[in-house]
């Protein structure tokens, strides 16, 4: 049986080189020597998963529980553990720094080496209970058996699903292909069908990759659209659809069973029982790509309405009444045993419309055909008038390419004006940015007072982050070890998709998808934007969060009254 320490050492070796090819060879050599069950678990844990991707169980272990266990085992001060964790930016690495070295620790540990099978058995136990008091002793026993700092480090990483080793899924796929003599496309194609990379690894070791068959109830990656700025960038014939302002969702349906997955591959049907009821009555087994939107009186509403239901552990009847939702479908990927990914879009949409004709509970997003730039411009104007974000342009012959962004699907949106904001706080980042201040809270002026309106971390280069880190460290007025409060000195130009009212920030507003466009070295803090400008943008017709009575996609009145 393979020990956890062997996997930890392999991942450490792979993480110590920047060469993807060398990483791949290290992993391939390790996988090639493993037997079936150890191979399955090694690939799963290297991918940072406690259970298979298609397994809906979760450990439900928080970092607080791990912290309690480590403090009890190591008898270190909580403040010291916190300081090391902040400095490392990674709880697993912090544990490794504090853990007694192999051969010299005095922990009350079992002398039996901790194996991958031991982890699997313990994880099965942990998942059977929702009680932290029951979970903790099981996990405590695993940590107590760690005789090497790297074991303890990777145990924490796997439990928290926070590996930070540089060994991403694409690298694991390539390593499996190399280990067993397959092309990378063979492995990725099999995973698309099966869902679990660990099971694909076992198939590869048995030379049976081409036996993989598609099954429902594991998420496929979503096909993505490439952004364009004007219709002139899209000559030719296109299927044109309004770009709805909702939650991209993938629905798997079979004999009344429904599973809904988001773009993050997370299952979300518990948050949308009304959508589940909508889909349960549809006959057949199928997989639909679509958008969950707030829905009232036979019309779609803006995303701001749906936000009231997000982030809640339990959706009440009051939430459902206040912000009802449905799924609007725009693609059909699987139908009654037939996988449709390689069929052209015009065929998939024809089958989708046929399915909807037989099932009035299924709403299909209307589309049109654009033959020239003028057609796109007219469709764009209508979409914006209806309160939608813009357009999606799709090639009629496009196959469905999961996870890919290319020229087959395009998106055309109008961006709101940017805001010049003053940085009020800087925070350590994560992963490769854990040692620099890369996350910035920013504000706008209200008379002589700065009111926070958002936080962003994308859009600046590593060199710019290094300069900003030095600046903020030198001017910081206070910090808690991770977040540094700074006086008004740096101005950032912030782009965003929407402004909504929010009690989260002192300004009373929040930005949707804020990103840093540039550092405004040419502006002093006094020249930054004001809360008055924020209100102007919020109230403008182009800000979709303001409009609540748009009519993007209609259905017959009363059709969803029973949902």
Protein backbone atom coordinates (compact mmCIF):
# COMPACT_ATOMS: atom_id res chain seq x y z
CA UNK A 1 0.00 0.00 0.00
CA UNK A 2 1.19 3.50 -0.84
CA UNK A 3 1.99 5.77 2.07
CA UNK A 4 0.84 9.38 2.24
CA UNK A 5 4.48 10.37 2.66
CA UNK A 6 5.33 8.89 -0.76
CA UNK A 7 2.64 10.97 -2.42
CA UNK A 8 3.77 14.05 -0.49
CA UNK A 9 7.39 13.61 -1.55
CA UNK A 10 6.35 13.11 -5.18
CA UNK A 11 4.26 16.27 -5.19
CA UNK A 12 7.06 18.19 -3.47
CA UNK A 13 9.52 17.04 -6.13
CA UNK A 14 7.12 18.09 -8.88
CA UNK A 15 6.50 21.48 -7.27
CA UNK A 16 10.21 22.27 -6.99
CA UNK A 17 10.66 22.67 -10.75
CA UNK A 18 9.06 25.25 -13.03
CA UNK A 19 9.24 22.90 -16.01
CA UNK A 20 5.85 21.38 -16.75
CA UNK A 21 7.54 18.59 -18.70
CA UNK A 22 9.70 17.64 -15.70
CA UNK A 23 6.67 17.79 -13.39
CA UNK A 24 4.82 15.53 -15.81
CA UNK A 25 7.64 12.97 -15.88
CA UNK A 26 7.90 12.89 -12.08
CA UNK A 27 4.18 12.20 -11.74
CA UNK A 28 4.09 9.70 -14.61
CA UNK A 29 6.90 7.64 -13.07
CA UNK A 30 5.07 7.60 -9.73
CA UNK A 31 1.67 6.65 -11.19
CA UNK A 32 3.15 3.92 -13.39
CA UNK A 33 4.25 1.82 -10.41
CA UNK A 34 0.92 1.92 -8.54
CA UNK A 35 -1.75 -0.72 -8.37
CA UNK A 36 -5.37 0.07 -9.18
CA UNK A 37 -6.73 1.29 -5.82
CA UNK A 38 -3.59 3.21 -4.90
CA UNK A 39 -3.55 4.79 -8.36
CA UNK A 40 -7.16 5.89 -8.00
CA UNK A 41 -6.50 7.53 -4.63
CA UNK A 42 -3.12 9.03 -5.60
CA UNK A 43 -4.62 10.84 -8.61
CA UNK A 44 -7.64 11.95 -6.57
CA UNK A 45 -5.59 13.36 -3.70
CA UNK A 46 -3.00 14.95 -6.01
CA UNK A 47 -5.95 16.78 -7.56
CA UNK A 48 -6.91 18.09 -4.11
CA UNK A 49 -10.11 16.06 -3.78
CA UNK A 50 -11.16 13.94 -0.81
CA UNK A 51 -13.76 12.13 -2.93
CA UNK A 52 -14.30 11.43 -6.60
CA UNK A 53 -15.64 14.33 -8.65
CA UNK A 54 -18.93 12.50 -9.20
CA UNK A 55 -19.25 11.71 -5.48
CA UNK A 56 -21.49 14.30 -3.82
CA UNK A 57 -20.15 13.68 -0.32
CA UNK A 58 -18.13 16.38 1.43
CA UNK A 59 -15.86 16.29 4.46
CA UNK A 60 -17.27 19.44 6.02
CA UNK A 61 -13.98 20.12 7.82
CA UNK A 62 -13.10 23.76 8.41
CA UNK A 63 -9.66 25.25 8.90
CA UNK A 64 -10.76 26.06 12.47
CA UNK A 65 -11.07 22.34 13.28
CA UNK A 66 -7.62 21.64 11.85
CA UNK A 67 -6.25 24.56 13.84
CA UNK A 68 -7.71 23.15 17.06
CA UNK A 69 -6.18 19.73 16.35
CA UNK A 70 -2.74 21.15 15.57
CA UNK A 71 -2.73 23.34 18.69
CA UNK A 72 -3.60 20.32 20.83
CA UNK A 73 -0.99 18.07 19.22
CA UNK A 74 1.89 20.52 19.05
CA UNK A 75 1.10 22.57 22.14
CA UNK A 76 1.97 25.82 20.37
CA UNK A 77 0.44 29.20 21.14
CA UNK A 78 -2.52 30.16 18.98
CA UNK A 79 -0.94 33.55 18.22
CA UNK A 80 2.26 31.88 17.01
CA UNK A 81 0.34 29.46 14.77
CA UNK A 82 -1.61 32.39 13.32
CA UNK A 83 1.60 34.35 12.64
CA UNK A 84 3.20 31.39 10.83
CA UNK A 85 0.03 30.74 8.81
CA UNK A 86 -0.14 34.38 7.67
CA UNK A 87 3.56 34.37 6.76
CA UNK A 88 3.29 31.11 4.83
CA UNK A 89 -0.06 32.01 3.26
CA UNK A 90 -0.90 28.30 3.41
CA UNK A 91 -2.10 26.36 6.46
CA UNK A 92 -0.50 23.12 5.27
CA UNK A 93 2.92 24.73 4.93
CA UNK A 94 2.48 26.43 8.31
CA UNK A 95 1.79 23.04 9.91
CA UNK A 96 4.87 21.59 8.22
CA UNK A 97 7.04 24.41 9.60
CA UNK A 98 5.85 23.73 13.14
CA UNK A 99 5.70 19.93 12.94
CA UNK A 100 8.50 17.95 14.64
CA UNK A 101 11.02 16.54 12.16
CA UNK A 102 10.83 12.90 11.15
CA UNK A 103 12.46 10.59 13.67
CA UNK A 104 12.60 13.23 16.36
CA UNK A 105 9.02 14.03 17.28
CA UNK A 106 7.48 13.24 20.62
CA UNK A 107 3.88 13.04 19.46
CA UNK A 108 1.79 10.21 20.81
CA UNK A 109 1.50 8.61 17.36
CA UNK A 110 0.79 5.17 16.00
CA UNK A 111 3.94 3.63 14.56
CA UNK A 112 1.99 2.28 11.58
CA UNK A 113 2.65 4.34 8.45
CA UNK A 114 -0.29 6.39 7.24
CA UNK A 115 -1.44 5.08 3.86
CA UNK A 116 -3.73 6.47 1.16
CA UNK A 117 -6.21 3.74 2.04
CA UNK A 118 -6.18 4.94 5.65
CA UNK A 119 -7.15 8.40 4.43
CA UNK A 120 -9.93 6.99 2.26
CA UNK A 121 -11.41 4.95 5.12
CA UNK A 122 -11.26 7.92 7.49
CA UNK A 123 -12.80 10.26 4.92
CA UNK A 124 -15.67 7.81 4.47
CA UNK A 125 -16.28 7.95 8.23
CA UNK A 126 -16.06 11.74 8.42
CA UNK A 127 -18.59 12.17 5.61
CA UNK A 128 -21.22 10.11 7.45
CA UNK A 129 -21.77 12.78 10.09
CA UNK A 130 -22.49 16.49 10.09
CA UNK A 131 -21.34 16.89 13.69
CA UNK A 132 -17.95 18.57 14.10
CA UNK A 133 -17.55 16.86 17.48
CA UNK A 134 -17.73 13.49 15.74
CA UNK A 135 -15.51 14.44 12.82
CA UNK A 136 -12.72 15.90 14.94
CA UNK A 137 -11.50 12.68 16.69
CA UNK A 138 -11.24 10.87 13.35
CA UNK A 139 -9.14 13.63 11.85
CA UNK A 140 -7.15 13.99 15.07
CA UNK A 141 -6.12 10.35 14.77
CA UNK A 142 -4.88 10.92 11.22
CA UNK A 143 -2.74 13.89 12.25
CA UNK A 144 -1.44 12.01 15.30
CA UNK A 145 -0.15 9.29 12.99
CA UNK A 146 1.87 11.74 10.87
CA UNK A 147 5.54 11.18 11.68
CA UNK A 148 6.87 13.57 9.06
CA UNK A 149 6.12 17.29 8.52
CA UNK A 150 5.30 16.69 4.85
CA UNK A 151 2.67 14.10 5.77
CA UNK A 152 0.94 16.57 8.08
CA UNK A 153 1.24 19.30 5.45
CA UNK A 154 -0.44 17.28 2.71
CA UNK A 155 -3.08 15.86 5.00
CA UNK A 156 -4.19 19.45 5.69
CA UNK A 157 -3.95 20.38 2.01
CA UNK A 158 -6.16 17.47 0.92
CA UNK A 159 -8.73 17.99 3.67
CA UNK A 160 -9.01 21.71 2.86
CA UNK A 161 -8.87 21.05 -0.94
CA UNK A 162 -6.13 23.68 -1.10
CA UNK A 163 -3.05 22.06 -2.68
CA UNK A 164 -1.05 24.99 -4.14
CA UNK A 165 1.56 22.62 -5.57
CA UNK A 166 1.50 23.75 -9.19
CA UNK A 167 0.15 20.32 -10.06
CA UNK A 168 -3.08 21.22 -11.80
CA UNK A 169 -5.54 18.88 -13.46
CA UNK A 170 -4.12 19.41 -16.95
CA UNK A 171 -0.71 18.31 -15.70
CA UNK A 172 -2.22 15.21 -14.08
CA UNK A 173 -3.95 14.36 -17.36
CA UNK A 174 -0.66 14.68 -19.25
CA UNK A 175 1.14 12.54 -16.65
CA UNK A 176 -1.46 9.79 -16.94
CA UNK A 177 -1.18 9.88 -20.72
CA UNK A 178 2.62 9.54 -20.51
CA UNK A 179 2.50 6.82 -17.86
CA UNK A 180 0.28 4.53 -19.92
CA UNK A 181 1.13 5.44 -23.51
CA UNK A 182 -1.94 7.48 -24.52
CA UNK A 183 -2.35 10.79 -26.29
CA UNK A 184 -3.44 13.66 -24.05
CA UNK A 185 -6.66 14.01 -26.09
CA UNK A 186 -7.50 10.37 -25.24
CA UNK A 187 -7.30 11.12 -21.52
CA UNK A 188 -9.17 14.44 -21.63
CA UNK A 189 -11.84 12.90 -23.86
CA UNK A 190 -12.34 9.99 -21.48
CA UNK A 191 -12.58 12.31 -18.49
CA UNK A 192 -15.21 14.33 -20.30
CA UNK A 193 -17.30 11.18 -20.56
CA UNK A 194 -16.58 9.57 -17.17
CA UNK A 195 -16.19 12.66 -15.02
CA UNK A 196 -13.56 11.33 -12.61
CA UNK A 197 -9.90 11.63 -13.58
CA UNK A 198 -9.00 8.95 -11.03
CA UNK A 199 -11.24 6.45 -12.82
CA UNK A 200 -9.74 7.46 -16.17
CA UNK A 201 -6.29 6.72 -14.71
CA UNK A 202 -7.45 3.22 -13.78
CA UNK A 203 -8.91 2.71 -17.27
CA UNK A 204 -5.59 3.87 -18.75
CA UNK A 205 -3.63 1.45 -16.59
CA UNK A 206 -5.88 -1.33 -17.91
CA UNK A 207 -5.51 -0.10 -21.53
CA UNK A 208 -9.27 0.51 -21.63
CA UNK A 209 -9.53 4.29 -22.07
CA UNK A 210 -11.57 3.89 -25.24
CA UNK A 211 -14.19 1.95 -23.29
CA UNK A 212 -15.23 5.17 -21.48
CA UNK A 213 -18.92 6.00 -21.87
CA UNK A 214 -20.83 9.15 -20.93
CA UNK A 215 -23.12 9.16 -17.92
CA UNK A 216 -25.23 11.95 -16.49
CA UNK A 217 -24.75 13.65 -13.11
CA UNK A 218 -21.20 14.84 -13.40
CA UNK A 219 -20.59 18.40 -14.65
CA UNK A 220 -19.05 19.12 -18.03
CA UNK A 221 -16.96 22.24 -18.40
CA UNK A 222 -18.90 25.02 -20.08
CA UNK A 223 -18.13 26.25 -23.58
CA UNK A 224 -17.07 29.89 -23.40
CA UNK A 225 -17.40 32.90 -25.68
CA UNK A 226 -14.59 35.25 -26.68
CA UNK A 227 -15.24 38.97 -26.15
CA UNK A 228 -15.38 41.43 -29.04
CA UNK A 229 -15.81 45.19 -28.89
CA UNK A 230 -17.83 45.89 -32.06
CA UNK A 231 -19.98 44.05 -34.59
CA UNK A 232 -17.30 44.73 -37.22
CA UNK A 233 -15.18 42.04 -35.55
CA UNK A 234 -17.80 39.40 -36.44
CA UNK A 235 -18.29 39.17 -40.21
CA UNK A 236 -20.30 36.26 -41.61
CA UNK A 237 -23.40 34.35 -40.55
CA UNK A 238 -24.21 33.93 -36.85
CA UNK A 239 -26.94 32.58 -34.61
CA UNK A 240 -27.63 35.56 -32.34
CA UNK A 241 -28.94 35.35 -28.76
CA UNK A 242 -29.41 37.92 -26.03
CA UNK A 243 -26.78 37.64 -23.29
CA UNK A 244 -28.89 37.18 -20.16
CA UNK A 245 -27.82 38.51 -16.78
CA UNK A 246 -28.14 35.43 -14.57
CA UNK A 247 -26.22 32.35 -13.46
CA UNK A 248 -24.85 30.05 -16.14
CA UNK A 249 -26.11 26.59 -15.29
CA UNK A 250 -26.01 23.03 -16.55
CA UNK A 251 -28.97 20.80 -15.75
CA UNK A 252 -28.82 16.98 -15.75
CA UNK A 253 -32.25 15.32 -15.71
CA UNK A 254 -33.18 11.63 -15.60
CA UNK A 255 -36.48 10.09 -14.43
CA UNK A 256 -37.31 13.00 -12.14
CA UNK A 257 -33.81 13.27 -10.70
CA UNK A 258 -32.29 16.72 -11.26
CA UNK A 259 -28.77 18.02 -10.69
CA UNK A 260 -27.79 21.61 -11.45
CA UNK A 261 -24.14 22.67 -11.74
CA UNK A 262 -22.60 26.14 -11.99
CA UNK A 263 -19.53 27.28 -13.91
CA UNK A 264 -17.42 26.44 -10.87
CA UNK A 265 -18.59 22.80 -11.22
CA UNK A 266 -20.44 23.12 -7.90
CA UNK A 267 -23.85 21.53 -7.49
CA UNK A 268 -26.48 24.16 -6.71
CA UNK A 269 -29.94 22.55 -7.00
CA UNK A 270 -30.52 23.00 -3.24
CA UNK A 271 -30.42 26.76 -3.86
CA UNK A 272 -32.99 26.55 -6.65
CA UNK A 273 -35.84 24.22 -5.69
CA UNK A 274 -38.14 26.12 -8.04
CA UNK A 275 -35.85 25.34 -10.98
CA UNK A 276 -35.71 21.71 -9.91
CA UNK A 277 -39.51 21.53 -9.93
CA UNK A 278 -39.55 23.16 -13.36
CA UNK A 279 -37.28 20.44 -14.76
CA UNK A 280 -38.68 17.41 -12.92
CA UNK A 281 -41.84 17.39 -15.03
CA UNK A 282 -39.99 17.30 -18.36
CA UNK A 283 -40.01 13.88 -19.99
CA UNK A 284 -36.84 12.07 -21.07
CA UNK A 285 -33.25 12.19 -19.92
CA UNK A 286 -31.16 15.14 -21.04
CA UNK A 287 -28.40 17.63 -20.29
CA UNK A 288 -29.16 21.30 -20.90
CA UNK A 289 -26.89 24.36 -20.91
CA UNK A 290 -28.68 27.53 -19.97
CA UNK A 291 -29.06 30.49 -17.64
CA UNK A 292 -30.89 30.69 -14.31
CA UNK A 293 -32.66 34.06 -14.17
CA UNK A 294 -35.04 35.73 -11.73
CA UNK A 295 -38.54 35.46 -13.15
CA UNK A 296 -41.82 37.18 -12.34
CA UNK A 297 -45.04 37.67 -14.30
CA UNK A 298 -43.72 35.83 -17.35
CA UNK A 299 -40.63 37.97 -17.74
CA UNK A 300 -36.94 37.80 -16.82
CA UNK A 301 -35.60 40.36 -14.34
CA UNK A 302 -32.04 41.64 -13.73
CA UNK A 303 -29.44 39.80 -11.72
CA UNK A 304 -29.82 42.21 -8.79
CA UNK A 305 -33.11 40.47 -7.93
CA UNK A 306 -31.44 37.06 -7.86
CA UNK A 307 -28.66 38.24 -5.55
CA UNK A 308 -31.07 38.07 -2.62
CA UNK A 309 -30.93 34.26 -2.87
CA UNK A 310 -27.21 33.79 -3.31
CA UNK A 311 -24.91 32.68 -0.52
CA UNK A 312 -27.73 31.28 1.62
CA UNK A 313 -27.50 27.82 3.17
CA UNK A 314 -31.27 27.49 3.19
CA UNK A 315 -33.74 29.00 0.75
CA UNK A 316 -37.03 29.77 2.46
CA UNK A 317 -40.51 30.17 1.02
CA UNK A 318 -40.09 33.92 1.52
CA UNK A 319 -36.93 33.92 -0.62
CA UNK A 320 -38.71 31.96 -3.34
CA UNK A 321 -41.62 34.38 -3.31
CA UNK A 322 -39.37 37.44 -3.33
CA UNK A 323 -36.97 36.22 -6.03
CA UNK A 324 -38.46 33.30 -8.02
CA UNK A 325 -36.20 31.77 -10.68
CA UNK A 326 -36.32 29.56 -13.76
CA UNK A 327 -33.84 28.02 -16.17
CA UNK A 328 -33.85 29.38 -19.72
CA UNK A 329 -32.20 26.84 -22.04
CA UNK A 330 -29.99 27.65 -25.01
CA UNK A 331 -28.18 24.38 -25.75
CA UNK A 332 -28.82 20.63 -25.56
CA UNK A 333 -25.76 18.45 -24.94
CA UNK A 334 -27.27 15.01 -24.29
CA UNK A 335 -30.65 13.50 -25.08
CA UNK A 336 -31.99 10.01 -24.33
CA UNK A 337 -28.67 8.19 -24.50
CA UNK A 338 -27.08 10.27 -27.27
CA UNK A 339 -24.19 12.64 -26.55
CA UNK A 340 -24.54 15.68 -28.82
CA UNK A 341 -21.29 17.59 -28.25
CA UNK A 342 -19.99 16.87 -31.75
CA UNK A 343 -23.24 17.78 -33.48
CA UNK A 344 -23.37 21.29 -35.03
CA UNK A 345 -25.20 23.93 -33.02
CA UNK A 346 -28.06 24.19 -35.53
CA UNK A 347 -28.79 20.46 -34.96
CA UNK A 348 -28.54 20.73 -31.17
CA UNK A 349 -30.87 23.72 -31.06
CA UNK A 350 -33.37 22.03 -33.38
CA UNK A 351 -33.51 19.07 -30.99
CA UNK A 352 -33.86 21.47 -28.06
CA UNK A 353 -36.82 23.22 -29.65
CA UNK A 354 -38.47 19.86 -30.32
CA UNK A 355 -37.99 18.90 -26.66
CA UNK A 356 -39.49 22.21 -25.57
CA UNK A 357 -42.47 21.81 -27.93
CA UNK A 358 -43.36 18.57 -26.14
CA UNK A 359 -42.73 20.05 -22.68
CA UNK A 360 -44.21 23.54 -22.09
CA UNK A 361 -42.29 23.82 -18.79
CA UNK A 362 -39.05 24.21 -20.75
CA UNK A 363 -38.32 27.75 -21.95
CA UNK A 364 -35.82 28.11 -24.80
CA UNK A 365 -33.94 31.34 -25.37
CA UNK A 366 -35.10 32.95 -28.61
CA UNK A 367 -32.51 33.38 -31.34
CA UNK A 368 -32.19 34.98 -34.75
CA UNK A 369 -29.76 34.80 -37.64
CA UNK A 370 -27.42 37.66 -38.56
CA UNK A 371 -25.97 37.70 -42.08
CA UNK A 372 -24.16 41.03 -41.88
CA UNK A 373 -22.86 43.62 -39.44
CA UNK A 374 -26.05 45.68 -39.63
CA UNK A 375 -28.10 42.70 -38.43
CA UNK A 376 -25.84 42.38 -35.37
CA UNK A 377 -26.15 46.11 -34.61
CA UNK A 378 -29.96 45.93 -34.76
CA UNK A 379 -30.03 42.84 -32.51
CA UNK A 380 -27.63 44.50 -30.07
CA UNK A 381 -29.82 47.60 -29.79
CA UNK A 382 -32.88 45.44 -29.09
CA UNK A 383 -31.01 43.42 -26.44
CA UNK A 384 -29.90 46.55 -24.62
CA UNK A 385 -33.39 48.04 -24.86
CA UNK A 386 -34.72 44.87 -23.23
CA UNK A 387 -32.25 45.37 -20.37
CA UNK A 388 -29.92 42.50 -21.30
CA UNK A 389 -26.12 42.62 -21.19
CA UNK A 390 -25.56 42.36 -24.92
CA UNK A 391 -25.32 39.52 -27.44
CA UNK A 392 -23.82 36.07 -27.85
CA UNK A 393 -22.92 35.24 -31.46
CA UNK A 394 -22.60 31.54 -32.26
CA UNK A 395 -21.48 29.82 -35.42
CA UNK A 396 -24.32 27.60 -36.70
CA UNK A 397 -21.79 24.82 -37.33
CA UNK A 398 -20.01 25.06 -33.97
CA UNK A 399 -19.56 21.88 -31.98
CA UNK A 400 -19.70 22.15 -28.18
CA UNK A 401 -16.12 22.47 -26.92
CA UNK A 402 -16.14 22.18 -23.10
CA UNK A 403 -13.88 24.63 -21.32
CA UNK A 404 -12.68 26.27 -24.51
CA UNK A 405 -12.88 29.85 -25.68
CA UNK A 406 -12.37 30.47 -29.40
CA UNK A 407 -13.85 32.11 -32.44
CA UNK A 408 -16.94 29.89 -32.62
CA UNK A 409 -18.80 31.76 -29.88
CA UNK A 410 -18.41 35.52 -29.37
CA UNK A 411 -19.86 37.95 -26.84
CA UNK A 412 -20.57 41.62 -27.45
CA UNK A 413 -21.23 43.85 -24.44
CA UNK A 414 -21.19 47.56 -23.63
CA UNK A 415 -19.07 48.35 -20.59
CA UNK A 416 -20.03 51.02 -18.10
CA UNK A 417 -17.70 53.97 -17.49
CA UNK A 418 -14.76 53.30 -15.17
CA UNK A 419 -14.28 54.89 -11.76
CA UNK A 420 -11.07 56.33 -10.31
CA UNK A 421 -10.88 55.05 -6.73
CA UNK A 422 -8.50 55.55 -3.80
CA UNK A 423 -6.90 52.50 -2.13
CA UNK A 424 -7.71 52.35 1.59
CA UNK A 425 -6.38 48.87 2.45
CA UNK A 426 -4.01 46.28 0.96
CA UNK A 427 -4.04 42.57 1.77
CA UNK A 428 -1.71 39.64 1.20
CA UNK A 429 -2.74 37.50 -1.75
CA UNK A 430 -2.88 33.73 -2.10
CA UNK A 431 -0.84 31.09 -3.91
CA UNK A 432 2.14 32.64 -5.68
CA UNK A 433 1.04 36.07 -4.40
CA UNK A 434 0.89 35.08 -0.75
CA UNK A 435 4.01 37.11 0.05
CA UNK A 436 2.89 40.36 -1.58
CA UNK A 437 0.06 42.84 -1.06
CA UNK A 438 -2.05 42.12 -4.14
CA UNK A 439 -5.68 42.54 -2.96
CA UNK A 440 -6.84 46.15 -2.73
CA UNK A 441 -9.88 47.72 -1.06
CA UNK A 442 -10.79 51.05 -2.62
CA UNK A 443 -13.12 53.98 -2.00
CA UNK A 444 -14.69 57.12 -3.45
CA UNK A 445 -15.07 60.53 -1.90
CA UNK A 446 -18.11 61.84 -0.03
CA UNK A 447 -17.14 65.43 0.74
CA UNK A 448 -13.86 64.97 2.67
CA UNK A 449 -14.49 61.33 3.66
CA UNK A 450 -13.54 58.15 1.78
CA UNK A 451 -16.29 55.49 1.53
CA UNK A 452 -15.29 51.96 0.51
CA UNK A 453 -17.06 50.61 -2.55
CA UNK A 454 -15.19 47.45 -3.53
CA UNK A 455 -12.15 45.20 -3.63
CA UNK A 456 -10.13 43.87 -6.58
CA UNK A 457 -6.95 41.93 -7.27
CA UNK A 458 -6.86 41.34 -11.02
CA UNK A 459 -5.49 43.62 -13.72
CA UNK A 460 -2.04 44.56 -12.37
CA UNK A 461 1.28 42.96 -13.28
CA UNK A 462 3.68 41.24 -10.87
CA UNK A 463 6.07 44.17 -11.22
CA UNK A 464 3.32 46.65 -10.39
CA UNK A 465 2.28 44.54 -7.38
CA UNK A 466 5.88 44.53 -6.12
CA UNK A 467 6.02 48.33 -6.36
CA UNK A 468 2.63 48.72 -4.67
CA UNK A 469 3.66 46.32 -1.90
CA UNK A 470 6.73 48.41 -1.14
CA UNK A 471 4.65 51.58 -1.17
CA UNK A 472 1.88 50.27 1.06
CA UNK A 473 4.31 48.67 3.53
CA UNK A 474 6.09 51.99 3.91
CA UNK A 475 2.96 54.10 4.45
CA UNK A 476 0.71 51.67 6.36
CA UNK A 477 -0.90 53.17 9.45
CA UNK A 478 -1.89 49.81 11.02
CA UNK A 479 -2.25 46.14 10.21
CA UNK A 480 -3.47 42.85 11.68
CA UNK A 481 -0.69 40.81 10.13
CA UNK A 482 -2.56 40.30 6.88
CA UNK A 483 -4.52 43.45 6.02
CA UNK A 484 -2.72 46.80 5.99
CA UNK A 485 -4.66 50.04 6.39
CA UNK A 486 -3.16 52.79 4.23
CA UNK A 487 -3.70 56.55 3.91
CA UNK A 488 -5.01 57.98 0.61
CA UNK A 489 -2.08 57.92 -1.80
CA UNK A 490 -2.71 55.46 -4.66
CA UNK A 491 -5.48 55.86 -7.24
CA UNK A 492 -6.71 52.90 -9.31
CA UNK A 493 -8.97 53.03 -12.34
CA UNK A 494 -11.62 50.34 -11.80
CA UNK A 495 -13.75 48.72 -14.49
CA UNK A 496 -16.90 46.75 -13.60
CA UNK A 497 -20.03 45.23 -15.09
CA UNK A 498 -22.66 46.72 -12.83
CA UNK A 499 -23.31 48.86 -9.77
CA UNK A 500 -25.88 47.69 -7.22
CA UNK A 501 -27.06 48.95 -3.86
CA UNK A 502 -25.31 47.12 -1.02
CA UNK A 503 -25.03 47.35 2.75
CA UNK A 504 -21.64 45.61 2.62
CA UNK A 505 -19.71 48.82 1.93
CA UNK A 506 -19.85 52.20 3.61
CA UNK A 507 -20.71 53.83 0.28
CA UNK A 508 -23.99 51.91 0.11
CA UNK A 509 -23.02 50.50 -3.29
CA UNK A 510 -21.08 47.54 -4.67
CA UNK A 511 -19.48 46.73 -8.02
CA UNK A 512 -20.11 43.50 -9.88
CA UNK A 513 -16.91 41.92 -11.24
CA UNK A 514 -14.56 44.83 -10.42
CA UNK A 515 -11.09 44.69 -12.01
CA UNK A 516 -8.16 47.07 -12.07
CA UNK A 517 -7.77 48.74 -15.44
CA UNK A 518 -4.64 50.70 -14.55
CA UNK A 519 -2.81 52.55 -11.81
CA UNK A 520 -3.51 56.27 -12.17
CA UNK A 521 -0.05 57.68 -11.49
CA UNK A 522 -1.28 60.83 -13.20
CA UNK A 523 -3.97 61.48 -10.60
CA UNK A 524 -3.75 62.60 -7.01
CA UNK A 525 -6.19 61.10 -4.48
CA UNK A 526 -8.08 64.39 -4.43
CA UNK A 527 -8.90 63.87 -8.13
CA UNK A 528 -10.62 60.52 -7.56
CA UNK A 529 -14.33 60.05 -8.23
CA UNK A 530 -17.12 60.89 -5.79
CA UNK A 531 -20.20 59.15 -4.47
CA UNK A 532 -22.21 61.52 -6.67
CA UNK A 533 -20.58 59.99 -9.77
CA UNK A 534 -21.36 56.51 -8.46
CA UNK A 535 -25.03 57.44 -8.10
CA UNK A 536 -25.05 58.83 -11.64
CA UNK A 537 -23.79 55.53 -13.05
CA UNK A 538 -26.14 53.53 -10.83
CA UNK A 539 -29.14 55.51 -12.11
CA UNK A 540 -28.05 55.45 -15.77
CA UNK A 541 -30.07 53.37 -18.29
CA UNK A 542 -26.97 51.30 -19.12
CA UNK A 543 -26.62 50.04 -15.53
CA UNK A 544 -28.67 46.84 -15.57
CA UNK A 545 -28.85 46.60 -11.78
CA UNK A 546 -31.21 49.60 -11.72
CA UNK A 547 -33.88 48.25 -14.05
CA UNK A 548 -36.40 45.85 -12.57
CA UNK A 549 -39.19 45.61 -15.15
CA UNK A 550 -37.41 44.56 -18.35
CA UNK A 551 -38.94 42.06 -20.78
CA UNK A 552 -36.11 39.93 -22.13
CA UNK A 553 -37.75 36.53 -22.66
CA UNK A 554 -41.50 36.03 -22.35
CA UNK A 555 -43.70 33.03 -21.62
CA UNK A 556 -47.43 32.62 -21.35
CA UNK A 557 -48.82 34.33 -18.21
CA UNK A 558 -49.37 31.89 -15.39
CA UNK A 559 -47.18 29.19 -16.90
CA UNK A 560 -44.97 29.04 -13.82
CA UNK A 561 -47.50 30.02 -11.18
CA UNK A 562 -47.32 26.52 -9.68
CA UNK A 563 -43.52 26.41 -9.46
